[in-house]
Amino acid sequence: MIATTLNRYFAARFVTAALAVFAGLFVLLVFVDYIDLLRRAGGRPSISALLIVQTSVYRVPQLLERLMPFCILIGAMTCYLALSRRLELVVARAAGISAWQFMAPALWSALGLGVLATVVFNPMSANMQERAKQMEAEMFGDSSGSLQDASGFWINQVTSEGQAIINAARSQQQGALLTGLSVFRFEPDFSFKERIEAREATLEPGFWRFKNLRRYTLDGPPVDQDVFLLPTTLTLAQVRNSFSTPETVSFWQLPGYIRSSESSGFATAGYRLQFHKLLARPFLLAAMVMLAASVSLRFFRFGGVQKMVLSGVGAGFLLYILSKVTEDLSKAELMHPLAAAWLPVCVGSLAGFLALLHQEDG
């Protein structure tokens, strides 16, 4: 019963510290993003401060999801250093409890937090990111995206009516809804036909539905229209794979994206990598706990606390660099997505395990 109570106490201290770091970082990122949106909204009195705050709150979770391993690392280091400073680890060591028993509650808690982050927080952050895009489009209209931002959103389609090159400033719903559009249409003999400027376009079966548009031709004045239908042979799966990035796709939708990409002939390395990274996330968070424990279980009376903290942060940073390198190699199809996703987990776990083994039994 004493061991069970102690395990619950250690787990509660770890979860509290990790959530405190997570919440503090969330508030900081919301504040920074709010300042950036406030700067962009300057001179627009119709945009309320409450709407800007809400947009920032919806934008931040996806960025915070990438920083989650560092939240666990800092939270675990904070927890163990606080236990050591208050001599609670000394008392536990005197009672015959080893470092492995100190670490077990935090490991299980990190695994649980990782599962929740994958199956709950990831879909929520993806949905909130889509909502943030809609709110941003409502606030700033077509002027929110610069020409540089729009340069990456291009579609080239060829039908019986000729060729059409579509440029969109922003993409929502993974390409099903485009805003800030410029369309260059050509005849079947590749002669220029017209240019279309539209506020938004929605992909429907067999055609694009443009709304609030203006058509420019070489031999006539501009013509304004409310609705215009542009035939297309593109499917939602093809457009979705062109416009969506793996990080913006929910965990539960990734298997469907992988299957549709394979059937359409698109590369699936990015989606497979993201899927395996989400599966490996609980174990990556556990690896972060092991790294934190390897540099944080030293007693305060031995000194060197600053060196321990810097060592933990440095180890986490090196692990982050390794994950980015393997991610780039996987996207370039130079490494299998399974190996790219799980290699940082294995390296972090082994490094923490060997360090603890040296401290305890060396």
Protein backbone atom coordinates (compact mmCIF):
# COMPACT_ATOMS: atom_id res chain seq x y z
CA MET A 1 0.00 0.00 0.00
CA ILE A 2 2.89 2.37 0.77
CA ALA A 3 4.45 1.70 -2.64
CA THR A 4 1.12 2.26 -4.40
CA THR A 5 0.55 5.53 -2.58
CA LEU A 6 4.10 6.68 -3.36
CA ASN A 7 3.66 5.79 -7.04
CA ARG A 8 0.45 7.80 -7.21
CA TYR A 9 2.21 10.71 -5.54
CA PHE A 10 5.14 10.65 -8.00
CA ALA A 11 2.74 10.31 -10.96
CA ALA A 12 0.63 13.23 -9.73
CA ARG A 13 3.69 15.43 -9.26
CA PHE A 14 4.93 14.60 -12.77
CA VAL A 15 1.56 15.15 -14.47
CA THR A 16 1.06 18.42 -12.62
CA ALA A 17 4.50 19.69 -13.65
CA ALA A 18 4.06 18.60 -17.29
CA LEU A 19 0.61 20.18 -17.56
CA ALA A 20 1.91 23.37 -15.92
CA VAL A 21 4.68 23.65 -18.55
CA PHE A 22 2.15 22.87 -21.28
CA ALA A 23 -0.27 25.52 -20.03
CA GLY A 24 2.47 28.13 -19.59
CA LEU A 25 3.76 27.55 -23.10
CA PHE A 26 0.21 27.69 -24.45
CA VAL A 27 -0.40 31.09 -22.85
CA LEU A 28 2.94 32.40 -24.13
CA LEU A 29 2.29 31.24 -27.71
CA VAL A 30 -1.24 32.66 -27.67
CA PHE A 31 0.11 36.01 -26.51
CA VAL A 32 2.80 36.09 -29.23
CA ASP A 33 0.32 35.03 -31.91
CA TYR A 34 -2.20 37.58 -30.66
CA ILE A 35 0.37 40.36 -31.04
CA ASP A 36 1.12 39.21 -34.60
CA LEU A 37 -2.58 39.08 -35.57
CA LEU A 38 -3.16 42.43 -33.88
CA ARG A 39 -0.40 43.95 -36.02
CA ARG A 40 -1.96 42.50 -39.18
CA ALA A 41 -5.40 43.77 -38.15
CA GLY A 42 -4.17 47.34 -37.70
CA GLY A 43 -6.42 49.86 -39.44
CA ARG A 44 -9.42 47.47 -39.43
CA PRO A 45 -11.75 48.72 -36.69
CA SER A 46 -14.38 46.13 -37.62
CA ILE A 47 -12.18 43.32 -36.23
CA SER A 48 -12.75 42.90 -32.50
CA ALA A 49 -10.04 42.00 -30.02
CA LEU A 50 -12.11 39.04 -28.84
CA LEU A 51 -12.18 37.58 -32.35
CA ILE A 52 -8.39 37.95 -32.62
CA VAL A 53 -7.91 36.17 -29.29
CA GLN A 54 -10.21 33.36 -30.39
CA THR A 55 -8.30 32.96 -33.65
CA SER A 56 -5.00 32.80 -31.78
CA VAL A 57 -6.39 30.17 -29.41
CA TYR A 58 -7.40 28.06 -32.43
CA ARG A 59 -4.07 28.51 -34.21
CA VAL A 60 -1.72 27.65 -31.34
CA PRO A 61 -2.60 23.97 -30.56
CA GLN A 62 -1.05 22.64 -33.76
CA LEU A 63 2.24 24.40 -32.99
CA LEU A 64 2.05 23.29 -29.38
CA GLU A 65 1.61 19.70 -30.52
CA ARG A 66 5.09 19.77 -32.05
CA LEU A 67 6.55 21.09 -28.78
CA MET A 68 4.85 18.45 -26.62
CA PRO A 69 8.01 16.30 -26.17
CA PHE A 70 9.83 19.35 -24.77
CA CYS A 71 6.91 19.99 -22.41
CA ILE A 72 7.30 16.45 -21.06
CA LEU A 73 11.08 16.82 -20.84
CA ILE A 74 10.95 20.12 -18.93
CA GLY A 75 8.05 18.90 -16.80
CA ALA A 76 9.91 15.72 -15.78
CA MET A 77 13.10 17.65 -15.00
CA THR A 78 11.13 20.17 -12.93
CA CYS A 79 9.37 17.37 -11.05
CA TYR A 80 12.53 15.42 -10.18
CA LEU A 81 14.56 18.50 -9.29
CA ALA A 82 11.77 19.70 -6.99
CA LEU A 83 11.63 16.27 -5.31
CA SER A 84 15.38 16.35 -4.87
CA ARG A 85 15.45 19.90 -3.51
CA ARG A 86 12.80 19.03 -0.91
CA LEU A 87 14.81 15.89 0.04
CA GLU A 88 11.90 13.63 -0.87
CA LEU A 89 14.17 11.57 -3.11
CA VAL A 90 16.65 11.21 -0.22
CA VAL A 91 13.94 9.80 2.02
CA ALA A 92 12.72 7.48 -0.73
CA ARG A 93 16.27 6.27 -1.40
CA ALA A 94 16.71 5.63 2.32
CA ALA A 95 13.57 3.48 2.20
CA GLY A 96 15.21 1.30 -0.48
CA ILE A 97 13.44 2.70 -3.56
CA SER A 98 15.63 2.75 -6.69
CA ALA A 99 15.67 5.19 -9.58
CA TRP A 100 13.74 2.72 -11.71
CA GLN A 101 10.90 2.83 -9.19
CA PHE A 102 11.05 6.64 -9.16
CA MET A 103 10.75 6.68 -12.91
CA ALA A 104 8.04 4.04 -13.42
CA PRO A 105 5.04 6.24 -12.44
CA ALA A 106 6.21 9.04 -14.73
CA LEU A 107 6.80 6.58 -17.57
CA TRP A 108 3.30 5.19 -17.35
CA SER A 109 1.87 8.69 -17.05
CA ALA A 110 3.85 9.83 -20.12
CA LEU A 111 2.54 6.85 -22.10
CA GLY A 112 -1.02 7.75 -21.09
CA LEU A 113 -0.52 11.40 -22.00
CA GLY A 114 0.96 10.32 -25.34
CA VAL A 115 -2.07 8.17 -26.14
CA LEU A 116 -4.40 11.06 -25.31
CA ALA A 117 -2.28 13.41 -27.42
CA THR A 118 -2.53 11.06 -30.41
CA VAL A 119 -6.19 10.05 -30.31
CA VAL A 120 -7.73 13.21 -28.80
CA PHE A 121 -5.48 16.26 -28.97
CA ASN A 122 -4.28 15.67 -32.55
CA PRO A 123 -7.78 15.53 -34.11
CA MET A 124 -8.81 18.50 -31.99
CA SER A 125 -5.82 20.59 -33.09
CA ALA A 126 -6.45 19.71 -36.77
CA ASN A 127 -10.10 20.81 -36.49
CA MET A 128 -9.13 23.98 -34.64
CA GLN A 129 -6.57 24.79 -37.34
CA GLU A 130 -9.26 24.54 -40.02
CA ARG A 131 -11.54 26.76 -37.94
CA ALA A 132 -8.70 29.26 -37.51
CA LYS A 133 -8.25 29.42 -41.30
CA GLN A 134 -11.94 30.19 -41.74
CA MET A 135 -11.87 32.91 -39.08
CA GLU A 136 -8.72 34.39 -40.57
CA ALA A 137 -10.34 34.51 -44.02
CA GLU A 138 -13.40 36.22 -42.53
CA MET A 139 -11.24 38.80 -40.74
CA PHE A 140 -8.78 39.71 -43.47
CA GLY A 141 -10.63 38.74 -46.65
CA ASP A 142 -8.56 38.27 -49.79
CA SER A 143 -5.81 40.57 -48.60
CA SER A 144 -4.61 38.33 -45.78
CA GLY A 145 -2.38 36.31 -47.99
CA SER A 146 0.52 37.92 -49.78
CA LEU A 147 1.73 36.97 -53.21
CA GLN A 148 4.52 34.96 -51.65
CA ASP A 149 2.03 33.03 -49.55
CA ALA A 150 -0.07 32.25 -52.60
CA SER A 151 2.82 31.02 -54.72
CA GLY A 152 2.56 27.49 -53.36
CA PHE A 153 -1.14 26.91 -54.13
CA TRP A 154 -1.40 26.05 -57.81
CA ILE A 155 -3.60 23.66 -59.79
CA ASN A 156 -3.22 22.90 -63.49
CA GLN A 157 -6.15 21.10 -65.14
CA VAL A 158 -6.90 20.19 -68.75
CA THR A 159 -10.43 19.42 -69.97
CA SER A 160 -12.21 19.35 -73.31
CA GLU A 161 -12.73 23.12 -72.97
CA GLY A 162 -8.97 23.74 -72.72
CA GLN A 163 -6.43 24.38 -70.00
CA ALA A 164 -7.01 26.24 -66.72
CA ILE A 165 -4.32 27.30 -64.26
CA ILE A 166 -5.75 28.05 -60.82
CA ASN A 167 -3.87 30.02 -58.18
CA ALA A 168 -5.32 30.26 -54.65
CA ALA A 169 -4.11 32.45 -51.80
CA ARG A 170 -5.52 30.18 -49.10
CA SER A 171 -6.81 26.63 -48.80
CA GLN A 172 -9.42 25.32 -46.39
CA GLN A 173 -10.82 21.85 -45.82
CA GLN A 174 -7.69 20.36 -47.41
CA GLY A 175 -8.28 22.04 -50.76
CA ALA A 176 -12.04 21.63 -51.06
CA LEU A 177 -12.51 25.37 -50.44
CA LEU A 178 -10.13 27.90 -52.00
CA THR A 179 -10.11 31.67 -51.44
CA GLY A 180 -8.32 34.56 -53.11
CA LEU A 181 -8.32 33.00 -56.58
CA SER A 182 -6.81 33.88 -59.95
CA VAL A 183 -7.63 31.61 -62.88
CA PHE A 184 -5.94 31.74 -66.30
CA ARG A 185 -7.97 29.93 -68.97
CA PHE A 186 -6.68 28.86 -72.39
CA GLU A 187 -8.38 27.47 -75.49
CA PRO A 188 -7.66 23.90 -76.66
CA ASP A 189 -5.10 25.39 -79.09
CA PHE A 190 -3.37 27.01 -76.04
CA SER A 191 -4.38 30.57 -77.00
CA PHE A 192 -5.33 32.83 -74.09
CA LYS A 193 -9.07 32.90 -73.35
CA GLU A 194 -9.70 34.87 -70.16
CA ARG A 195 -8.60 35.62 -66.60
CA ILE A 196 -10.90 35.16 -63.64
CA GLU A 197 -10.54 36.80 -60.24
CA ALA A 198 -12.79 35.25 -57.60
CA ARG A 199 -13.22 35.49 -53.88
CA GLU A 200 -13.75 31.76 -53.31
CA ALA A 201 -14.28 28.47 -55.10
CA THR A 202 -15.68 25.16 -53.91
CA LEU A 203 -14.91 21.81 -55.48
CA GLU A 204 -18.04 19.85 -56.38
CA PRO A 205 -18.38 16.66 -58.43
CA GLY A 206 -17.36 17.55 -61.98
CA PHE A 207 -16.79 21.30 -61.57
CA TRP A 208 -15.46 24.20 -59.51
CA ARG A 209 -18.13 26.60 -58.23
CA PHE A 210 -16.70 30.15 -58.20
CA LYS A 211 -18.46 32.90 -56.25
CA ASN A 212 -18.15 36.70 -56.40
CA LEU A 213 -15.94 36.78 -59.47
CA ARG A 214 -14.82 39.11 -62.23
CA ARG A 215 -13.92 37.87 -65.73
CA TYR A 216 -11.34 39.65 -67.91
CA THR A 217 -11.04 39.07 -71.65
CA LEU A 218 -8.85 40.62 -74.36
CA ASP A 219 -11.73 42.04 -76.43
CA GLY A 220 -14.20 43.29 -73.86
CA PRO A 221 -14.70 45.05 -70.54
CA PRO A 222 -14.59 43.12 -67.23
CA VAL A 223 -17.77 41.25 -66.37
CA ASP A 224 -18.92 40.67 -62.77
CA GLN A 225 -20.77 37.47 -61.91
CA ASP A 226 -22.12 35.96 -58.75
CA VAL A 227 -21.54 32.32 -59.71
CA PHE A 228 -19.48 30.57 -62.39
CA LEU A 229 -19.03 26.85 -62.96
CA LEU A 230 -15.69 25.65 -64.30
CA PRO A 231 -15.65 22.00 -65.46
CA THR A 232 -12.93 19.81 -63.98
CA THR A 233 -11.87 16.18 -63.98
CA LEU A 234 -10.17 16.49 -60.63
CA THR A 235 -11.52 14.56 -57.68
CA LEU A 236 -11.59 15.60 -54.05
CA ALA A 237 -8.90 13.03 -53.24
CA GLN A 238 -6.56 14.45 -55.88
CA VAL A 239 -7.03 18.04 -54.72
CA ARG A 240 -6.83 17.05 -51.09
CA ASN A 241 -3.50 15.33 -51.60
CA SER A 242 -2.18 18.38 -53.44
CA PHE A 243 -3.18 20.99 -50.85
CA SER A 244 -3.15 19.25 -47.48
CA THR A 245 0.02 18.72 -45.49
CA PRO A 246 0.36 15.60 -43.33
CA GLU A 247 0.57 17.70 -40.14
CA THR A 248 -2.92 19.15 -40.76
CA VAL A 249 -4.60 15.75 -41.18
CA SER A 250 -6.25 14.14 -38.16
CA PHE A 251 -4.88 10.85 -36.84
CA TRP A 252 -8.17 9.09 -37.60
CA GLN A 253 -8.19 10.38 -41.20
CA LEU A 254 -4.60 9.45 -42.06
CA PRO A 255 -5.32 5.80 -43.05
CA GLY A 256 -7.95 7.03 -45.53
CA TYR A 257 -5.53 9.61 -46.93
CA ILE A 258 -2.86 6.95 -47.38
CA ARG A 259 -5.26 4.66 -49.25
CA SER A 260 -6.57 7.44 -51.49
CA SER A 261 -3.03 8.61 -52.24
CA GLU A 262 -1.98 5.12 -53.22
CA SER A 263 -5.01 4.63 -55.47
CA SER A 264 -4.42 8.05 -57.12
CA GLY A 265 -0.72 7.40 -57.68
CA PHE A 266 0.49 10.12 -55.27
CA ALA A 267 3.46 9.76 -52.95
CA THR A 268 2.44 8.52 -49.50
CA ALA A 269 5.76 8.88 -47.65
CA GLY A 270 4.68 12.06 -45.83
CA TYR A 271 1.35 10.63 -44.68
CA ARG A 272 2.93 7.34 -43.62
CA LEU A 273 5.61 9.19 -41.69
CA GLN A 274 3.03 11.30 -39.87
CA PHE A 275 0.95 8.22 -39.05
CA HIS A 276 3.94 6.36 -37.59
CA LYS A 277 5.07 9.49 -35.70
CA LEU A 278 1.67 9.70 -34.05
CA LEU A 279 1.80 5.99 -33.18
CA ALA A 280 5.29 6.46 -31.74
CA ARG A 281 4.41 9.61 -29.78
CA PRO A 282 3.57 7.87 -26.46
CA PHE A 283 6.93 6.09 -26.53
CA LEU A 284 8.72 9.32 -27.50
CA LEU A 285 7.25 11.04 -24.46
CA ALA A 286 8.38 8.09 -22.33
CA ALA A 287 11.88 8.45 -23.81
CA MET A 288 11.84 12.11 -22.79
CA VAL A 289 11.06 11.06 -19.22
CA MET A 290 14.05 8.71 -19.25
CA LEU A 291 16.33 11.47 -20.53
CA ALA A 292 15.02 13.84 -17.87
CA ALA A 293 15.51 11.26 -15.13
CA SER A 294 19.08 10.56 -16.23
CA VAL A 295 20.08 14.18 -15.59
CA SER A 296 17.72 15.10 -12.72
CA LEU A 297 18.07 12.43 -10.04
CA ARG A 298 21.32 13.80 -8.68
CA PHE A 299 20.92 15.15 -5.14
CA PHE A 300 21.09 18.91 -4.66
CA ARG A 301 23.81 18.63 -2.06
CA PHE A 302 26.16 17.26 -4.74
CA GLY A 303 25.83 20.52 -6.70
CA GLY A 304 26.00 20.89 -10.48
CA VAL A 305 22.28 21.58 -10.90
CA GLN A 306 22.83 24.08 -13.71
CA LYS A 307 24.95 21.57 -15.59
CA MET A 308 22.23 18.93 -15.19
CA VAL A 309 19.54 21.23 -16.56
CA LEU A 310 21.69 22.23 -19.55
CA SER A 311 22.51 18.58 -20.20
CA GLY A 312 18.82 17.66 -20.27
CA VAL A 313 17.89 20.53 -22.57
CA GLY A 314 20.85 19.72 -24.83
CA ALA A 315 19.85 16.04 -25.03
CA GLY A 316 16.30 16.99 -25.97
CA PHE A 317 17.56 19.40 -28.61
CA LEU A 318 19.84 16.76 -30.14
CA LEU A 319 16.94 14.32 -30.22
CA TYR A 320 14.83 16.95 -31.98
CA ILE A 321 17.57 17.45 -34.59
CA LEU A 322 17.72 13.70 -35.14
CA SER A 323 13.95 13.55 -35.64
CA LYS A 324 14.07 16.39 -38.18
CA VAL A 325 16.91 14.72 -40.11
CA THR A 326 15.08 11.39 -40.26
CA GLU A 327 11.87 13.20 -41.24
CA ASP A 328 13.59 14.95 -44.17
CA LEU A 329 15.19 11.70 -45.27
CA SER A 330 11.83 9.96 -45.19
CA LYS A 331 10.09 12.69 -47.18
CA ALA A 332 12.89 12.46 -49.75
CA GLU A 333 12.21 8.68 -49.83
CA LEU A 334 15.73 7.93 -48.62
CA MET A 335 14.51 6.26 -45.42
CA HIS A 336 11.47 4.15 -44.70
CA PRO A 337 8.78 6.10 -42.74
CA LEU A 338 8.67 3.37 -40.09
CA ALA A 339 12.41 3.70 -39.41
CA ALA A 340 12.29 7.50 -39.54
CA ALA A 341 9.49 7.68 -36.96
CA TRP A 342 10.86 5.13 -34.51
CA LEU A 343 14.62 5.81 -34.71
CA PRO A 344 14.49 8.94 -32.43
CA VAL A 345 12.38 6.97 -29.96
CA CYS A 346 14.91 4.14 -29.84
CA VAL A 347 17.90 6.49 -29.58
CA GLY A 348 16.30 8.56 -26.80
CA SER A 349 15.19 5.50 -24.85
CA LEU A 350 18.56 3.77 -25.10
CA ALA A 351 20.46 6.94 -24.16
CA GLY A 352 18.32 7.48 -21.06
CA PHE A 353 18.42 3.79 -20.13
CA LEU A 354 22.20 3.55 -20.39
CA ALA A 355 22.71 6.77 -18.43
CA LEU A 356 20.45 5.54 -15.63
CA LEU A 357 22.07 2.13 -15.70
CA HIS A 358 25.50 3.75 -15.30
CA GLN A 359 24.32 5.95 -12.42
CA GLU A 360 22.50 3.19 -10.56
CA ASP A 361 24.58 0.09 -11.20
CA GLY A 362 27.85 1.49 -12.59
